[in-house]
C-alpha atoms as a PDB file:
ATOM      1  CA  PRO A   1      -5.701 -19.714   5.203  1.00  0.00           C
ATOM      2  CA  ALA A   2      -5.398 -19.992   8.985  1.00  0.00           C
ATOM      3  CA  SER A   3      -1.676 -19.144   8.821  1.00  0.00           C
ATOM      4  CA  TRP A   4      -2.601 -15.618   7.642  1.00  0.00           C
ATOM      5  CA  GLY A   5      -4.371 -14.778  10.913  1.00  0.00           C
ATOM      6  CA  GLU A   6      -8.100 -14.172  11.470  1.00  0.00           C
ATOM      7  CA  ARG A   7     -10.843 -13.907   8.884  1.00  0.00           C
ATOM      8  CA  PHE A   8     -10.573 -10.736   6.812  1.00  0.00           C
ATOM      9  CA  SER A   9     -13.066  -8.709   4.797  1.00  0.00           C
ATOM     10  CA  ILE A  10     -12.905  -7.149   1.334  1.00  0.00           C
ATOM     11  CA  GLU A  11     -15.484  -4.670   0.007  1.00  0.00           C
ATOM     12  CA  GLY A  12     -15.481  -2.824  -3.281  1.00  0.00           C
ATOM     13  CA  SER A  13     -17.517  -0.608  -5.538  1.00  0.00           C
ATOM     14  CA  PHE A  14     -16.547  -0.547  -9.207  1.00  0.00           C
ATOM     15  CA  THR A  15     -17.997   0.722 -12.462  1.00  0.00           C
ATOM     16  CA  GLN A  16     -17.225  -0.163 -16.028  1.00  0.00           C
ATOM     17  CA  PRO A  17     -18.245   1.457 -19.312  1.00  0.00           C
ATOM     18  CA  ARG A  18     -20.809  -0.350 -21.460  1.00  0.00           C
ATOM     19  CA  LEU A  19     -19.092   0.787 -24.648  1.00  0.00           C
ATOM     20  CA  VAL A  20     -15.384   1.126 -25.232  1.00  0.00           C
ATOM     21  CA  PRO A  21     -14.457   4.089 -27.487  1.00  0.00           C
ATOM     22  CA  GLY A  22     -12.937   3.075 -30.810  1.00  0.00           C
ATOM     23  CA  THR A  23     -14.331  -0.458 -30.777  1.00  0.00           C
ATOM     24  CA  LEU A  24     -17.706   0.052 -32.457  1.00  0.00           C
ATOM     25  CA  GLY A  25     -16.526  -1.791 -35.569  1.00  0.00           C
ATOM     26  CA  THR A  26     -15.762  -4.852 -33.429  1.00  0.00           C
ATOM     27  CA  GLY A  27     -18.928  -4.790 -31.341  1.00  0.00           C
ATOM     28  CA  GLY A  28     -17.830  -2.033 -28.965  1.00  0.00           C
ATOM     29  CA  PHE A  29     -19.181  -3.665 -25.810  1.00  0.00           C
ATOM     30  CA  THR A  30     -17.071  -4.688 -22.842  1.00  0.00           C
ATOM     31  CA  ALA A  31     -17.404  -8.058 -21.171  1.00  0.00           C
ATOM     32  CA  ALA A  32     -18.630  -7.901 -17.562  1.00  0.00           C
ATOM     33  CA  GLY A  33     -15.497  -9.727 -16.376  1.00  0.00           C
ATOM     34  CA  ASP A  34     -13.023  -7.498 -18.238  1.00  0.00           C
ATOM     35  CA  TRP A  35     -11.248  -5.992 -15.219  1.00  0.00           C
ATOM     36  CA  SER A  36      -9.090  -3.775 -17.451  1.00  0.00           C
ATOM     37  CA  THR A  37     -12.043  -1.389 -17.836  1.00  0.00           C
ATOM     38  CA  TRP A  38     -13.096  -1.260 -14.175  1.00  0.00           C
ATOM     39  CA  SER A  39     -12.697   1.866 -12.019  1.00  0.00           C
ATOM     40  CA  GLY A  40     -13.572   2.291  -8.360  1.00  0.00           C
ATOM     41  CA  ALA A  41     -12.405   1.594  -4.844  1.00  0.00           C
ATOM     42  CA  ALA A  42     -11.980  -1.326  -2.472  1.00  0.00           C
ATOM     43  CA  THR A  43     -11.266  -1.655   1.230  1.00  0.00           C
ATOM     44  CA  THR A  44      -9.841  -4.547   3.186  1.00  0.00           C
ATOM     45  CA  ASN A  45      -9.811  -5.136   6.914  1.00  0.00           C
ATOM     46  CA  TRP A  46      -7.398  -7.622   8.486  1.00  0.00           C
ATOM     47  CA  PRO A  47      -8.004  -7.590  12.278  1.00  0.00           C
ATOM     48  CA  ARG A  48      -5.094 -10.024  12.830  1.00  0.00           C
ATOM     49  CA  ILE A  49      -2.579 -10.834  10.114  1.00  0.00           C
ATOM     50  CA  ASP A  50       0.845 -12.394   9.640  1.00  0.00           C
ATOM     51  CA  VAL A  51       2.464 -10.092   7.053  1.00  0.00           C
ATOM     52  CA  ALA A  52       5.176 -12.630   6.257  1.00  0.00           C
ATOM     53  CA  GLN A  53       2.417 -14.846   4.803  1.00  0.00           C
ATOM     54  CA  LEU A  54       0.822 -11.957   2.902  1.00  0.00           C
ATOM     55  CA  ARG A  55       4.083 -10.995   1.186  1.00  0.00           C
ATOM     56  CA  GLN A  56       3.910 -14.225  -0.837  1.00  0.00           C
ATOM     57  CA  TYR A  57       0.982 -12.668  -2.732  1.00  0.00           C
ATOM     58  CA  VAL A  58       1.819  -8.956  -2.663  1.00  0.00           C
ATOM     59  CA  ASN A  59       4.868  -7.417  -4.336  1.00  0.00           C
ATOM     60  CA  LEU A  60       6.330  -4.939  -1.824  1.00  0.00           C
ATOM     61  CA  PRO A  61       9.201  -2.501  -2.471  1.00  0.00           C
ATOM     62  CA  PHE A  62      10.966  -3.890   0.630  1.00  0.00           C
ATOM     63  CA  GLU A  63      11.486  -7.305   2.233  1.00  0.00           C
ATOM     64  CA  VAL A  64       9.366  -8.266   5.259  1.00  0.00           C
ATOM     65  CA  THR A  65      10.252 -11.600   6.868  1.00  0.00           C
ATOM     66  CA  SER A  66       8.026 -11.352   9.959  1.00  0.00           C
ATOM     67  CA  GLY A  67       5.368  -9.192  11.542  1.00  0.00           C
ATOM     68  CA  ARG A  68       1.955  -9.626  13.123  1.00  0.00           C
ATOM     69  CA  GLY A  69      -0.851  -7.224  13.843  1.00  0.00           C
ATOM     70  CA  SER A  70      -3.731  -5.459  12.112  1.00  0.00           C
ATOM     71  CA  LEU A  71      -4.027  -3.870   8.688  1.00  0.00           C
ATOM     72  CA  LYS A  72      -6.738  -1.856   6.972  1.00  0.00           C
ATOM     73  CA  THR A  73      -6.360  -0.801   3.338  1.00  0.00           C
ATOM     74  CA  TRP A  74      -8.090   1.467   0.835  1.00  0.00           C
ATOM     75  CA  LEU A  75      -7.348   0.818  -2.846  1.00  0.00           C
ATOM     76  CA  GLU A  76      -8.146   3.072  -5.839  1.00  0.00           C
ATOM     77  CA  VAL A  77      -8.409   1.536  -9.319  1.00  0.00           C
ATOM     78  CA  VAL A  78      -8.717   3.425 -12.633  1.00  0.00           C
ATOM     79  CA  GLN A  79      -9.337   1.423 -15.813  1.00  0.00           C
ATOM     80  CA  GLY A  80      -8.061  -1.759 -14.207  1.00  0.00           C
ATOM     81  CA  SER A  81      -4.845  -0.263 -12.819  1.00  0.00           C
ATOM     82  CA  LEU A  82      -4.090   0.326  -9.165  1.00  0.00           C
ATOM     83  CA  VAL A  83      -3.341   4.064  -8.908  1.00  0.00           C
ATOM     84  CA  GLY A  84      -3.517   4.620  -5.159  1.00  0.00           C
ATOM     85  CA  ALA A  85      -3.392   2.728  -1.895  1.00  0.00           C
ATOM     86  CA  LYS A  86      -3.479   3.580   1.797  1.00  0.00           C
ATOM     87  CA  ALA A  87      -2.823   1.173   4.634  1.00  0.00           C
ATOM     88  CA  ASP A  88      -3.228   1.773   8.352  1.00  0.00           C
ATOM     89  CA  VAL A  89      -0.828  -0.609  10.061  1.00  0.00           C
ATOM     90  CA  SER A  90      -0.315  -1.644  13.654  1.00  0.00           C
ATOM     91  CA  LEU A  91       2.303  -4.392  13.797  1.00  0.00           C
ATOM     92  CA  SER A  92       4.619  -6.068  16.273  1.00  0.00           C
ATOM     93  CA  ASP A  93       7.704  -8.285  15.927  1.00  0.00           C
ATOM     94  CA  VAL A  94       8.541  -6.887  12.478  1.00  0.00           C
ATOM     95  CA  ASP A  95      11.714  -7.843  10.627  1.00  0.00           C
ATOM     96  CA  VAL A  96      12.114  -5.685   7.520  1.00  0.00           C
ATOM     97  CA  ARG A  97      14.937  -4.915   5.078  1.00  0.00           C
ATOM     98  CA  LEU A  98      14.337  -1.652   3.203  1.00  0.00           C
ATOM     99  CA  ALA A  99      17.055  -2.338   0.594  1.00  0.00           C
ATOM    100  CA  GLN A 100      19.491  -5.166  -0.198  1.00  0.00           C
ATOM    101  CA  ASP A 101      22.477  -3.033   0.829  1.00  0.00           C
ATOM    102  CA  LEU A 102      20.943  -2.149   4.231  1.00  0.00           C
ATOM    103  CA  ALA A 103      20.899  -4.206   7.412  1.00  0.00           C
ATOM    104  CA  PRO A 104      17.500  -5.591   8.450  1.00  0.00           C
ATOM    105  CA  LEU A 105      15.502  -3.632  11.036  1.00  0.00           C
ATOM    106  CA  ASP A 106      14.278  -5.585  14.046  1.00  0.00           C
ATOM    107  CA  ILE A 107      11.164  -3.683  15.168  1.00  0.00           C
ATOM    108  CA  GLN A 108       9.184  -4.393  18.325  1.00  0.00           C
ATOM    109  CA  SER A 109       6.179  -2.246  17.348  1.00  0.00           C
ATOM    110  CA  LEU A 110       5.204  -0.099  14.361  1.00  0.00           C
ATOM    111  CA  GLN A 111       2.125   2.055  13.725  1.00  0.00           C
ATOM    112  CA  GLY A 112       1.165   4.527  11.034  1.00  0.00           C
ATOM    113  CA  ARG A 113      -0.282   4.963   7.577  1.00  0.00           C
ATOM    114  CA  LEU A 114       1.474   3.898   4.381  1.00  0.00           C
ATOM    115  CA  VAL A 115       0.332   5.807   1.271  1.00  0.00           C
ATOM    116  CA  ALA A 116       1.272   4.944  -2.322  1.00  0.00           C
ATOM    117  CA  LYS A 117       0.088   6.872  -5.364  1.00  0.00           C
ATOM    118  CA  ARG A 118       0.873   6.563  -9.058  1.00  0.00           C
ATOM    119  CA  THR A 119       0.432   9.618 -11.245  1.00  0.00           C
ATOM    120  CA  PRO A 120       1.144   9.965 -14.972  1.00  0.00           C
ATOM    121  CA  ALA A 121       4.183  12.122 -15.718  1.00  0.00           C
ATOM    122  CA  GLY A 122       5.142  12.757 -19.332  1.00  0.00           C
ATOM    123  CA  GLY A 123       3.850   9.429 -20.596  1.00  0.00           C
ATOM    124  CA  GLU A 124       5.384   7.530 -17.691  1.00  0.00           C
ATOM    125  CA  SER A 125       4.138   6.874 -14.201  1.00  0.00           C
ATOM    126  CA  ASP A 126       5.646   8.420 -11.059  1.00  0.00           C
ATOM    127  CA  THR A 127       5.123   6.686  -7.755  1.00  0.00           C
ATOM    128  CA  THR A 128       4.990   8.514  -4.442  1.00  0.00           C
ATOM    129  CA  LEU A 129       5.441   6.463  -1.288  1.00  0.00           C
ATOM    130  CA  ALA A 130       4.756   8.067   2.092  1.00  0.00           C
ATOM    131  CA  PHE A 131       4.482   7.091   5.732  1.00  0.00           C
ATOM    132  CA  GLU A 132       2.214   9.349   7.771  1.00  0.00           C
ATOM    133  CA  GLY A 133       2.217   9.431  11.554  1.00  0.00           C
ATOM    134  CA  LEU A 134       4.915   6.772  11.600  1.00  0.00           C
ATOM    135  CA  THR A 135       5.981   5.635  15.045  1.00  0.00           C
ATOM    136  CA  PHE A 136       8.089   2.619  15.932  1.00  0.00           C
ATOM    137  CA  THR A 137      10.274   1.077  18.606  1.00  0.00           C
ATOM    138  CA  THR A 138      13.119  -1.302  17.819  1.00  0.00           C
ATOM    139  CA  LYS A 139      13.715  -4.430  19.867  1.00  0.00           C
ATOM    140  CA  ASP A 140      16.845  -2.802  21.361  1.00  0.00           C
ATOM    141  CA  GLY A 141      14.768   0.144  22.689  1.00  0.00           C
ATOM    142  CA  GLN A 142      15.396   2.838  20.067  1.00  0.00           C
ATOM    143  CA  SER A 143      12.235   4.757  19.170  1.00  0.00           C
ATOM    144  CA  TRP A 144      10.907   7.122  16.514  1.00  0.00           C
ATOM    145  CA  PRO A 145       8.161   8.971  18.410  1.00  0.00           C
ATOM    146  CA  ARG A 146       6.185  10.263  15.380  1.00  0.00           C
ATOM    147  CA  GLY A 147       7.006  11.502  11.928  1.00  0.00           C
ATOM    148  CA  ASP A 148       6.195  11.625   8.255  1.00  0.00           C
ATOM    149  CA  VAL A 149       8.395  10.297   5.465  1.00  0.00           C
ATOM    150  CA  ARG A 150       7.893  10.798   1.733  1.00  0.00           C
ATOM    151  CA  VAL A 151       9.811   9.191  -1.130  1.00  0.00           C
ATOM    152  CA  LEU A 152       9.395  10.318  -4.756  1.00  0.00           C
ATOM    153  CA  GLY A 153      11.691   9.218  -7.545  1.00  0.00           C
ATOM    154  CA  GLY A 154      14.469   8.372  -5.111  1.00  0.00           C
ATOM    155  CA  ALA A 155      14.396  11.738  -3.301  1.00  0.00           C
ATOM    156  CA  GLU A 156      13.601  11.465   0.391  1.00  0.00           C
ATOM    157  CA  GLN A 157      12.009  14.074   2.619  1.00  0.00           C
ATOM    158  CA  VAL A 158      11.863  13.464   6.358  1.00  0.00           C
ATOM    159  CA  CYS A 159       9.817  15.645   8.680  1.00  0.00           C
ATOM    160  CA  ASP A 160       9.932  16.045  12.435  1.00  0.00           C
ATOM    161  CA  GLY A 161       6.390  14.991  13.298  1.00  0.00           C
ATOM    162  CA  THR A 162       4.618  17.907  11.667  1.00  0.00           C
ATOM    163  CA  ARG A 163       2.870  17.619   8.319  1.00  0.00           C
ATOM    164  CA  HIS A 164       5.193  18.601   5.500  1.00  0.00           C
ATOM    165  CA  PRO A 165       3.565  20.987   2.948  1.00  0.00           C
ATOM    166  CA  ASP A 166       4.311  18.549   0.094  1.00  0.00           C
ATOM    167  CA  MET A 167       2.467  15.694   1.819  1.00  0.00           C
ATOM    168  CA  ALA A 168      -1.049  17.102   1.474  1.00  0.00           C
END
């Protein structure tokens, strides 16, 4: 829709097994449209986007009520599940609330890479969320010149602009 911004592109390369183990007695073949068996990668490129419109379709771990700019994403899918995502963002006029008990942030400009990765851990899935090369300026002139932030299971690690050893 026009309210999202400019035309965007999506490209992907996926594979799927012809036979599904353990299903030979029931035919064993997968249907071409059965996304639950697909693995591969996709990229998106949004040269101009209104992220407030996008949030209606994407479940984010924080609330974004405004923001415009560009976004490029890389998505990794394994057996139909999203296991990794990277997004290069360059946004302006961003209003974001990181948690319900925190005041909203009124950001003039924001750039950096957002990285999310899910890894199995003891039968469950752990999610790592990181910002790499994050830089922003608030509308009242406060700035974060450059830094990396990593969140894993509620523990937060903040670095002073150099790559933290755990963020490789």
